[in-house]
C-alpha atoms as a PDB file:
ATOM      1  CA  UNK A   1       9.977  -3.838  14.366  1.00  0.00           C
ATOM      2  CA  UNK A   2       8.332  -6.765  12.640  1.00  0.00           C
ATOM      3  CA  UNK A   3       8.508  -9.591  15.013  1.00  0.00           C
ATOM      4  CA  UNK A   4       9.958 -12.647  13.527  1.00  0.00           C
ATOM      5  CA  UNK A   5       6.237 -15.231  14.130  1.00  0.00           C
ATOM      6  CA  UNK A   6       4.586 -12.785  12.120  1.00  0.00           C
ATOM      7  CA  UNK A   7       7.042 -12.796   9.070  1.00  0.00           C
ATOM      8  CA  UNK A   8       6.715 -16.561   9.440  1.00  0.00           C
ATOM      9  CA  UNK A   9       3.084 -16.623   9.800  1.00  0.00           C
ATOM     10  CA  UNK A  10       2.826 -14.377   7.011  1.00  0.00           C
ATOM     11  CA  UNK A  11       5.173 -16.396   4.752  1.00  0.00           C
ATOM     12  CA  UNK A  12       3.031 -19.553   5.635  1.00  0.00           C
ATOM     13  CA  UNK A  13      -0.115 -18.397   4.627  1.00  0.00           C
ATOM     14  CA  UNK A  14       0.886 -18.260   0.965  1.00  0.00           C
ATOM     15  CA  UNK A  15       3.630 -20.853   0.711  1.00  0.00           C
ATOM     16  CA  UNK A  16       2.458 -23.807   3.125  1.00  0.00           C
ATOM     17  CA  UNK A  17       5.878 -23.446   5.070  1.00  0.00           C
ATOM     18  CA  UNK A  18       7.758 -20.927   7.028  1.00  0.00           C
ATOM     19  CA  UNK A  19      10.234 -18.973   5.387  1.00  0.00           C
ATOM     20  CA  UNK A  20      12.547 -16.663   6.422  1.00  0.00           C
ATOM     21  CA  UNK A  21      12.100 -12.686   6.035  1.00  0.00           C
ATOM     22  CA  UNK A  22      14.748 -10.047   6.167  1.00  0.00           C
ATOM     23  CA  UNK A  23      13.051  -6.973   7.918  1.00  0.00           C
ATOM     24  CA  UNK A  24      14.934  -3.762   8.606  1.00  0.00           C
ATOM     25  CA  UNK A  25      14.079   0.009   9.281  1.00  0.00           C
ATOM     26  CA  UNK A  26      16.572   2.637   8.322  1.00  0.00           C
ATOM     27  CA  UNK A  27      16.433   6.660   7.832  1.00  0.00           C
ATOM     28  CA  UNK A  28      17.744   8.478   4.728  1.00  0.00           C
ATOM     29  CA  UNK A  29      17.792  11.945   3.580  1.00  0.00           C
ATOM     30  CA  UNK A  30      14.611  13.512   1.442  1.00  0.00           C
ATOM     31  CA  UNK A  31      14.183  16.952   0.509  1.00  0.00           C
ATOM     32  CA  UNK A  32      12.351  17.713   3.252  1.00  0.00           C
ATOM     33  CA  UNK A  33      14.859  16.069   5.914  1.00  0.00           C
ATOM     34  CA  UNK A  34      15.515  12.621   7.162  1.00  0.00           C
ATOM     35  CA  UNK A  35      12.786  10.100   6.464  1.00  0.00           C
ATOM     36  CA  UNK A  36      12.220   6.748   7.424  1.00  0.00           C
ATOM     37  CA  UNK A  37      11.975   3.482   5.542  1.00  0.00           C
ATOM     38  CA  UNK A  38      10.839  -0.095   6.293  1.00  0.00           C
ATOM     39  CA  UNK A  39      11.876  -3.204   4.125  1.00  0.00           C
ATOM     40  CA  UNK A  40      10.535  -6.497   4.344  1.00  0.00           C
ATOM     41  CA  UNK A  41      11.898  -9.003   1.480  1.00  0.00           C
ATOM     42  CA  UNK A  42      12.726 -12.968   1.183  1.00  0.00           C
ATOM     43  CA  UNK A  43      15.627 -14.356   2.809  1.00  0.00           C
ATOM     44  CA  UNK A  44      18.757 -14.515  -0.329  1.00  0.00           C
ATOM     45  CA  UNK A  45      20.530 -12.089  -2.460  1.00  0.00           C
ATOM     46  CA  UNK A  46      17.631 -11.486  -4.641  1.00  0.00           C
ATOM     47  CA  UNK A  47      17.034  -9.373  -6.415  1.00  0.00           C
ATOM     48  CA  UNK A  48      13.477  -9.283  -5.855  1.00  0.00           C
ATOM     49  CA  UNK A  49      10.808  -6.982  -7.620  1.00  0.00           C
ATOM     50  CA  UNK A  50       9.588  -3.957  -5.827  1.00  0.00           C
ATOM     51  CA  UNK A  51       6.593  -3.774  -4.418  1.00  0.00           C
ATOM     52  CA  UNK A  52       6.059  -0.121  -2.876  1.00  0.00           C
ATOM     53  CA  UNK A  53       3.494  -0.191   0.362  1.00  0.00           C
ATOM     54  CA  UNK A  54       1.578   3.297   1.176  1.00  0.00           C
ATOM     55  CA  UNK A  55       0.554   2.561   4.864  1.00  0.00           C
ATOM     56  CA  UNK A  56      -2.964   3.576   5.785  1.00  0.00           C
ATOM     57  CA  UNK A  57      -3.931   6.422   7.707  1.00  0.00           C
ATOM     58  CA  UNK A  58      -3.121   5.435  11.511  1.00  0.00           C
ATOM     59  CA  UNK A  59       0.561   5.060  10.835  1.00  0.00           C
ATOM     60  CA  UNK A  60       2.738   2.140  10.103  1.00  0.00           C
ATOM     61  CA  UNK A  61       1.751   0.101  12.870  1.00  0.00           C
ATOM     62  CA  UNK A  62       2.143  -3.855  14.037  1.00  0.00           C
ATOM     63  CA  UNK A  63      -0.687  -4.937  11.598  1.00  0.00           C
ATOM     64  CA  UNK A  64       1.041  -2.972   8.745  1.00  0.00           C
ATOM     65  CA  UNK A  65       4.141  -4.737   8.878  1.00  0.00           C
ATOM     66  CA  UNK A  66       2.758  -8.094   9.369  1.00  0.00           C
ATOM     67  CA  UNK A  67       0.843  -7.099   6.075  1.00  0.00           C
ATOM     68  CA  UNK A  68       4.272  -6.668   4.213  1.00  0.00           C
ATOM     69  CA  UNK A  69       5.746  -9.648   5.169  1.00  0.00           C
ATOM     70  CA  UNK A  70       2.441 -11.360   3.603  1.00  0.00           C
ATOM     71  CA  UNK A  71       3.348  -9.594   0.338  1.00  0.00           C
ATOM     72  CA  UNK A  72       7.050 -10.176   0.577  1.00  0.00           C
ATOM     73  CA  UNK A  73       6.580 -13.690   0.872  1.00  0.00           C
ATOM     74  CA  UNK A  74       5.136 -14.002  -2.758  1.00  0.00           C
ATOM     75  CA  UNK A  75       8.859 -12.915  -3.543  1.00  0.00           C
ATOM     76  CA  UNK A  76       8.682  -9.331  -3.713  1.00  0.00           C
ATOM     77  CA  UNK A  77      10.684  -6.630  -1.963  1.00  0.00           C
ATOM     78  CA  UNK A  78       8.348  -4.583  -0.220  1.00  0.00           C
ATOM     79  CA  UNK A  79       8.966  -1.120   0.968  1.00  0.00           C
ATOM     80  CA  UNK A  80       7.655   1.636   3.159  1.00  0.00           C
ATOM     81  CA  UNK A  81       8.232   5.306   3.873  1.00  0.00           C
ATOM     82  CA  UNK A  82       7.136   7.275   6.837  1.00  0.00           C
ATOM     83  CA  UNK A  83       4.545   9.069   5.439  1.00  0.00           C
ATOM     84  CA  UNK A  84       4.263  11.378   8.515  1.00  0.00           C
ATOM     85  CA  UNK A  85       7.641  12.349   8.997  1.00  0.00           C
ATOM     86  CA  UNK A  86       7.481  16.160   8.668  1.00  0.00           C
ATOM     87  CA  UNK A  87       5.620  16.026  11.921  1.00  0.00           C
ATOM     88  CA  UNK A  88       7.333  13.113  13.870  1.00  0.00           C
ATOM     89  CA  UNK A  89       9.137   9.937  12.956  1.00  0.00           C
ATOM     90  CA  UNK A  90       6.934   7.046  12.679  1.00  0.00           C
ATOM     91  CA  UNK A  91       3.943   8.212  14.347  1.00  0.00           C
ATOM     92  CA  UNK A  92       1.132   5.459  14.989  1.00  0.00           C
ATOM     93  CA  UNK A  93      -2.082   6.294  16.427  1.00  0.00           C
ATOM     94  CA  UNK A  94      -2.057   4.959  19.948  1.00  0.00           C
ATOM     95  CA  UNK A  95      -5.631   4.632  20.785  1.00  0.00           C
ATOM     96  CA  UNK A  96      -9.211   5.052  19.856  1.00  0.00           C
ATOM     97  CA  UNK A  97      -9.239   8.527  22.267  1.00  0.00           C
ATOM     98  CA  UNK A  98     -11.200  11.346  20.710  1.00  0.00           C
ATOM     99  CA  UNK A  99      -7.687  13.562  21.066  1.00  0.00           C
ATOM    100  CA  UNK A 100      -5.763  10.697  19.285  1.00  0.00           C
ATOM    101  CA  UNK A 101      -8.228  10.078  16.429  1.00  0.00           C
ATOM    102  CA  UNK A 102      -7.876  13.986  16.010  1.00  0.00           C
ATOM    103  CA  UNK A 103      -4.285  14.123  15.797  1.00  0.00           C
ATOM    104  CA  UNK A 104      -4.552  10.920  13.209  1.00  0.00           C
ATOM    105  CA  UNK A 105      -6.724  12.828  10.979  1.00  0.00           C
ATOM    106  CA  UNK A 106      -4.768  16.161  11.381  1.00  0.00           C
ATOM    107  CA  UNK A 107      -1.658  14.042   9.855  1.00  0.00           C
ATOM    108  CA  UNK A 108      -3.843  12.364   7.395  1.00  0.00           C
ATOM    109  CA  UNK A 109      -5.380  15.788   5.952  1.00  0.00           C
ATOM    110  CA  UNK A 110      -1.819  17.472   6.628  1.00  0.00           C
ATOM    111  CA  UNK A 111       0.587  15.528   4.444  1.00  0.00           C
ATOM    112  CA  UNK A 112      -0.392  16.705   0.602  1.00  0.00           C
ATOM    113  CA  UNK A 113      -0.242  13.906  -2.210  1.00  0.00           C
ATOM    114  CA  UNK A 114       2.669  16.755  -3.533  1.00  0.00           C
ATOM    115  CA  UNK A 115       4.631  15.698  -0.316  1.00  0.00           C
ATOM    116  CA  UNK A 116       3.962  12.019  -0.665  1.00  0.00           C
ATOM    117  CA  UNK A 117       5.324  12.144  -4.551  1.00  0.00           C
ATOM    118  CA  UNK A 118       8.564  13.986  -3.273  1.00  0.00           C
ATOM    119  CA  UNK A 119       9.012  11.521  -0.768  1.00  0.00           C
ATOM    120  CA  UNK A 120       8.296   8.555  -3.467  1.00  0.00           C
ATOM    121  CA  UNK A 121      10.998  10.270  -5.483  1.00  0.00           C
ATOM    122  CA  UNK A 122      13.627  10.017  -2.705  1.00  0.00           C
ATOM    123  CA  UNK A 123      12.837   6.376  -2.111  1.00  0.00           C
ATOM    124  CA  UNK A 124      13.028   5.720  -5.908  1.00  0.00           C
ATOM    125  CA  UNK A 125      16.335   7.342  -5.837  1.00  0.00           C
ATOM    126  CA  UNK A 126      17.656   5.026  -3.082  1.00  0.00           C
ATOM    127  CA  UNK A 127      16.191   1.834  -3.858  1.00  0.00           C
ATOM    128  CA  UNK A 128      19.530   1.347  -6.595  1.00  0.00           C
ATOM    129  CA  UNK A 129      21.638   1.450  -3.443  1.00  0.00           C
ATOM    130  CA  UNK A 130      20.070  -1.975  -2.222  1.00  0.00           C
ATOM    131  CA  UNK A 131      21.443  -4.668  -4.565  1.00  0.00           C
ATOM    132  CA  UNK A 132      18.521  -6.903  -3.027  1.00  0.00           C
ATOM    133  CA  UNK A 133      15.542  -4.836  -5.059  1.00  0.00           C
ATOM    134  CA  UNK A 134      15.206  -5.226  -8.405  1.00  0.00           C
ATOM    135  CA  UNK A 135      15.290  -2.668 -11.056  1.00  0.00           C
ATOM    136  CA  UNK A 136      12.473  -2.328 -13.909  1.00  0.00           C
ATOM    137  CA  UNK A 137       9.264  -2.269 -13.256  1.00  0.00           C
ATOM    138  CA  UNK A 138       7.469  -2.149 -10.193  1.00  0.00           C
ATOM    139  CA  UNK A 139       3.943  -2.276  -8.366  1.00  0.00           C
ATOM    140  CA  UNK A 140       2.449  -0.500  -5.359  1.00  0.00           C
ATOM    141  CA  UNK A 141      -0.516  -0.950  -2.746  1.00  0.00           C
ATOM    142  CA  UNK A 142      -2.258   1.044  -0.538  1.00  0.00           C
ATOM    143  CA  UNK A 143      -4.545   1.400   2.286  1.00  0.00           C
ATOM    144  CA  UNK A 144      -6.951   3.912   3.141  1.00  0.00           C
ATOM    145  CA  UNK A 145      -4.873   6.938   2.702  1.00  0.00           C
ATOM    146  CA  UNK A 146      -2.560   5.140   0.951  1.00  0.00           C
ATOM    147  CA  UNK A 147      -4.778   4.040  -1.838  1.00  0.00           C
ATOM    148  CA  UNK A 148      -5.132   7.487  -3.159  1.00  0.00           C
ATOM    149  CA  UNK A 149      -1.312   7.881  -3.130  1.00  0.00           C
ATOM    150  CA  UNK A 150      -1.396   4.421  -4.744  1.00  0.00           C
ATOM    151  CA  UNK A 151      -3.697   5.818  -7.378  1.00  0.00           C
ATOM    152  CA  UNK A 152      -1.697   9.478  -7.804  1.00  0.00           C
ATOM    153  CA  UNK A 153       1.546   7.191  -8.184  1.00  0.00           C
ATOM    154  CA  UNK A 154       0.215   4.842 -10.923  1.00  0.00           C
ATOM    155  CA  UNK A 155      -1.493   8.154 -12.350  1.00  0.00           C
ATOM    156  CA  UNK A 156       1.925  10.050 -12.784  1.00  0.00           C
ATOM    157  CA  UNK A 157       4.313   7.093 -12.992  1.00  0.00           C
ATOM    158  CA  UNK A 158       2.259   4.619 -14.776  1.00  0.00           C
ATOM    159  CA  UNK A 159       5.487   3.656 -17.036  1.00  0.00           C
ATOM    160  CA  UNK A 160       7.401   2.535 -13.756  1.00  0.00           C
ATOM    161  CA  UNK A 161       4.623   1.231 -11.581  1.00  0.00           C
ATOM    162  CA  UNK A 162       2.816  -1.197 -13.562  1.00  0.00           C
ATOM    163  CA  UNK A 163       0.543  -2.807 -11.115  1.00  0.00           C
ATOM    164  CA  UNK A 164      -1.588  -0.879  -8.587  1.00  0.00           C
ATOM    165  CA  UNK A 165      -3.759  -2.045  -5.585  1.00  0.00           C
ATOM    166  CA  UNK A 166      -5.898   0.142  -3.333  1.00  0.00           C
ATOM    167  CA  UNK A 167      -7.579  -1.556  -0.258  1.00  0.00           C
ATOM    168  CA  UNK A 168     -10.508   0.429   1.389  1.00  0.00           C
ATOM    169  CA  UNK A 169      -9.603   3.606  -0.505  1.00  0.00           C
ATOM    170  CA  UNK A 170      -9.969   6.851   0.991  1.00  0.00           C
ATOM    171  CA  UNK A 171     -10.413  10.307  -0.795  1.00  0.00           C
ATOM    172  CA  UNK A 172     -10.089   8.777  -4.377  1.00  0.00           C
ATOM    173  CA  UNK A 173     -13.065  10.092  -5.876  1.00  0.00           C
ATOM    174  CA  UNK A 174     -14.051  13.709  -5.237  1.00  0.00           C
ATOM    175  CA  UNK A 175     -15.060  16.684  -7.283  1.00  0.00           C
ATOM    176  CA  UNK A 176     -11.699  18.081  -7.549  1.00  0.00           C
ATOM    177  CA  UNK A 177     -10.252  18.457 -10.915  1.00  0.00           C
ATOM    178  CA  UNK A 178      -7.166  16.383  -9.661  1.00  0.00           C
ATOM    179  CA  UNK A 179      -9.106  13.641  -8.129  1.00  0.00           C
ATOM    180  CA  UNK A 180      -7.351  10.193  -8.261  1.00  0.00           C
ATOM    181  CA  UNK A 181     -10.405   8.538 -10.109  1.00  0.00           C
ATOM    182  CA  UNK A 182      -9.748  10.801 -12.989  1.00  0.00           C
ATOM    183  CA  UNK A 183      -6.223   9.502 -14.137  1.00  0.00           C
ATOM    184  CA  UNK A 184      -7.733   5.420 -13.953  1.00  0.00           C
ATOM    185  CA  UNK A 185      -8.699   5.359 -17.774  1.00  0.00           C
ATOM    186  CA  UNK A 186      -5.298   6.272 -19.157  1.00  0.00           C
ATOM    187  CA  UNK A 187      -3.776   3.529 -17.077  1.00  0.00           C
ATOM    188  CA  UNK A 188      -2.192   0.898 -19.191  1.00  0.00           C
ATOM    189  CA  UNK A 189      -1.032  -1.429 -16.437  1.00  0.00           C
ATOM    190  CA  UNK A 190      -2.658  -3.935 -13.772  1.00  0.00           C
ATOM    191  CA  UNK A 191      -5.234  -2.170 -11.032  1.00  0.00           C
ATOM    192  CA  UNK A 192      -6.895  -3.819  -8.266  1.00  0.00           C
ATOM    193  CA  UNK A 193      -9.590  -1.908  -6.023  1.00  0.00           C
ATOM    194  CA  UNK A 194     -11.348  -3.278  -3.309  1.00  0.00           C
ATOM    195  CA  UNK A 195     -14.015  -1.696  -0.742  1.00  0.00           C
ATOM    196  CA  UNK A 196     -15.998  -3.154   1.982  1.00  0.00           C
ATOM    197  CA  UNK A 197     -20.241  -3.118   1.914  1.00  0.00           C
ATOM    198  CA  UNK A 198     -20.113  -2.459   5.570  1.00  0.00           C
ATOM    199  CA  UNK A 199     -17.669   0.597   5.491  1.00  0.00           C
ATOM    200  CA  UNK A 200     -19.563   3.912   6.049  1.00  0.00           C
ATOM    201  CA  UNK A 201     -16.491   5.938   6.356  1.00  0.00           C
ATOM    202  CA  UNK A 202     -15.259   5.606   2.498  1.00  0.00           C
ATOM    203  CA  UNK A 203     -18.369   3.811   1.029  1.00  0.00           C
ATOM    204  CA  UNK A 204     -18.380   2.181  -2.388  1.00  0.00           C
ATOM    205  CA  UNK A 205     -21.587   3.989  -3.049  1.00  0.00           C
ATOM    206  CA  UNK A 206     -19.907   6.863  -3.235  1.00  0.00           C
ATOM    207  CA  UNK A 207     -17.120   5.603  -5.467  1.00  0.00           C
ATOM    208  CA  UNK A 208     -18.807   4.256  -8.345  1.00  0.00           C
ATOM    209  CA  UNK A 209     -16.588   6.284 -10.820  1.00  0.00           C
ATOM    210  CA  UNK A 210     -13.619   4.805  -9.576  1.00  0.00           C
ATOM    211  CA  UNK A 211     -15.176   1.229  -9.474  1.00  0.00           C
ATOM    212  CA  UNK A 212     -16.602   1.723 -13.217  1.00  0.00           C
ATOM    213  CA  UNK A 213     -13.667   3.390 -14.342  1.00  0.00           C
ATOM    214  CA  UNK A 214     -11.161   0.735 -12.975  1.00  0.00           C
ATOM    215  CA  UNK A 215     -13.714  -2.448 -14.385  1.00  0.00           C
ATOM    216  CA  UNK A 216     -13.566  -0.604 -17.705  1.00  0.00           C
ATOM    217  CA  UNK A 217      -9.813  -0.974 -17.936  1.00  0.00           C
ATOM    218  CA  UNK A 218      -8.440  -3.805 -19.896  1.00  0.00           C
ATOM    219  CA  UNK A 219      -6.595  -5.043 -16.817  1.00  0.00           C
ATOM    220  CA  UNK A 220      -8.409  -4.101 -14.063  1.00  0.00           C
ATOM    221  CA  UNK A 221     -11.198  -5.462 -11.372  1.00  0.00           C
ATOM    222  CA  UNK A 222     -12.915  -3.652  -8.478  1.00  0.00           C
ATOM    223  CA  UNK A 223     -14.592  -5.228  -6.169  1.00  0.00           C
ATOM    224  CA  UNK A 224     -17.066  -5.080  -3.084  1.00  0.00           C
ATOM    225  CA  UNK A 225     -16.606  -7.363  -0.311  1.00  0.00           C
ATOM    226  CA  UNK A 226     -19.809  -8.334   1.728  1.00  0.00           C
ATOM    227  CA  UNK A 227     -19.387  -7.968   5.550  1.00  0.00           C
ATOM    228  CA  UNK A 228     -15.894  -5.944   5.062  1.00  0.00           C
ATOM    229  CA  UNK A 229     -15.733  -2.617   6.877  1.00  0.00           C
ATOM    230  CA  UNK A 230     -13.005   0.097   6.234  1.00  0.00           C
ATOM    231  CA  UNK A 231      -9.457  -1.557   7.395  1.00  0.00           C
ATOM    232  CA  UNK A 232     -10.326  -5.270   6.096  1.00  0.00           C
ATOM    233  CA  UNK A 233      -6.644  -5.565   4.337  1.00  0.00           C
ATOM    234  CA  UNK A 234      -4.641  -4.797   7.517  1.00  0.00           C
ATOM    235  CA  UNK A 235      -3.889  -7.166  10.175  1.00  0.00           C
ATOM    236  CA  UNK A 236      -5.485  -6.566  13.142  1.00  0.00           C
ATOM    237  CA  UNK A 237      -8.565  -4.068  14.070  1.00  0.00           C
ATOM    238  CA  UNK A 238     -11.427  -4.630  11.282  1.00  0.00           C
ATOM    239  CA  UNK A 239      -9.642  -7.016   9.741  1.00  0.00           C
ATOM    240  CA  UNK A 240     -11.703  -9.309   7.498  1.00  0.00           C
ATOM    241  CA  UNK A 241      -9.969 -12.534   6.380  1.00  0.00           C
ATOM    242  CA  UNK A 242     -12.364 -13.527   3.502  1.00  0.00           C
ATOM    243  CA  UNK A 243     -12.229 -10.107   2.038  1.00  0.00           C
ATOM    244  CA  UNK A 244      -8.329 -10.056   2.201  1.00  0.00           C
ATOM    245  CA  UNK A 245      -7.941 -13.316   0.939  1.00  0.00           C
ATOM    246  CA  UNK A 246      -9.984 -12.477  -1.988  1.00  0.00           C
ATOM    247  CA  UNK A 247      -8.303  -8.841  -2.372  1.00  0.00           C
ATOM    248  CA  UNK A 248      -4.602 -10.460  -2.083  1.00  0.00           C
ATOM    249  CA  UNK A 249      -5.198 -13.071  -4.314  1.00  0.00           C
ATOM    250  CA  UNK A 250      -5.944 -10.726  -6.861  1.00  0.00           C
ATOM    251  CA  UNK A 251      -2.982  -8.549  -6.045  1.00  0.00           C
ATOM    252  CA  UNK A 252      -0.397 -11.409  -6.009  1.00  0.00           C
ATOM    253  CA  UNK A 253      -1.862 -12.648  -9.742  1.00  0.00           C
ATOM    254  CA  UNK A 254      -1.160  -8.618 -10.729  1.00  0.00           C
ATOM    255  CA  UNK A 255       1.942  -8.468  -9.546  1.00  0.00           C
ATOM    256  CA  UNK A 256       3.279 -11.599 -10.751  1.00  0.00           C
ATOM    257  CA  UNK A 257       1.994 -10.767 -14.069  1.00  0.00           C
ATOM    258  CA  UNK A 258       3.586  -7.642 -14.322  1.00  0.00           C
ATOM    259  CA  UNK A 259       6.412  -7.722 -12.451  1.00  0.00           C
ATOM    260  CA  UNK A 260       7.906 -11.171 -12.656  1.00  0.00           C
ATOM    261  CA  UNK A 261       8.405 -11.402 -16.682  1.00  0.00           C
END
C-alpha cells in the first residue's frame, strides 16, 4: 500500500498543501481469472474523472504508487490493474540481479497487448460500480511498456480516452504492421510523449516516427528531456525531477483540457 506520507507529499507538490488521499487495493474478476486493482483519488465523494495508469515493466512498485498519488492530487481518480496477474499477483522486481532482470523481461515480453486490452475491458466494466469514479471521457498514462499500452488504448478506444500520456516509451516504434505509433495520426484527443536524452534502452533516435507523428497532431506534444534516462517519470531509481516536472505539467494540462469540461 502507498504510505500516507507518500500521498501527502505527492499532493503538496501540486497544491502547496497536504491533502488527504483515499487509497485501496482490491481484486476483481477478469476473463483470465482474479486481477488486482489499485486506486488512488482525493478525499471526498467525487465523482472524479478517471485516469488509467499503465505501470512500468518492474511492476507496481512503491515509486509507481507515489506517482499515482501525484496525479490523483490534481483531482483525478487514478486506477491501475495488475499487468502480470496471469503469472503471479502484483509482481515487482526485487533486485537488479541478472536472474531477476530476466524474470522481469520475461513478464514484459510474455504479456501481450491483447491481454492488456482484455484486462482494461474488465476495469472499464468494474468502474461503474464505484460512484467516486466519474463517467464520460477518461485519460490514460503509461510508463515504459505501459506507454505502449497507453498508445494502443487511444488507438482502439480513442472516443473514450481523450487524453494520453507516454513517458519513456518502450516498443512503441517497430516494423510490425500493428506498431503503436501507426495509430497516432488518427487520434483526435490530446497526446504527450516524453523521452529522456540519456535513454539508451529505448532511445529517442529510434522513435522519431512516433515523435514526429505526435508533434503533427493538433493537440500533440513530444519532447526529449536533456539529462533524463529511462524511468525518469517514476519516483525512485532513475527519477529526474526537471524532466518529470515538465512532463507532468503537460500531462495535467491535457487531462484538464479533455476531462474537466
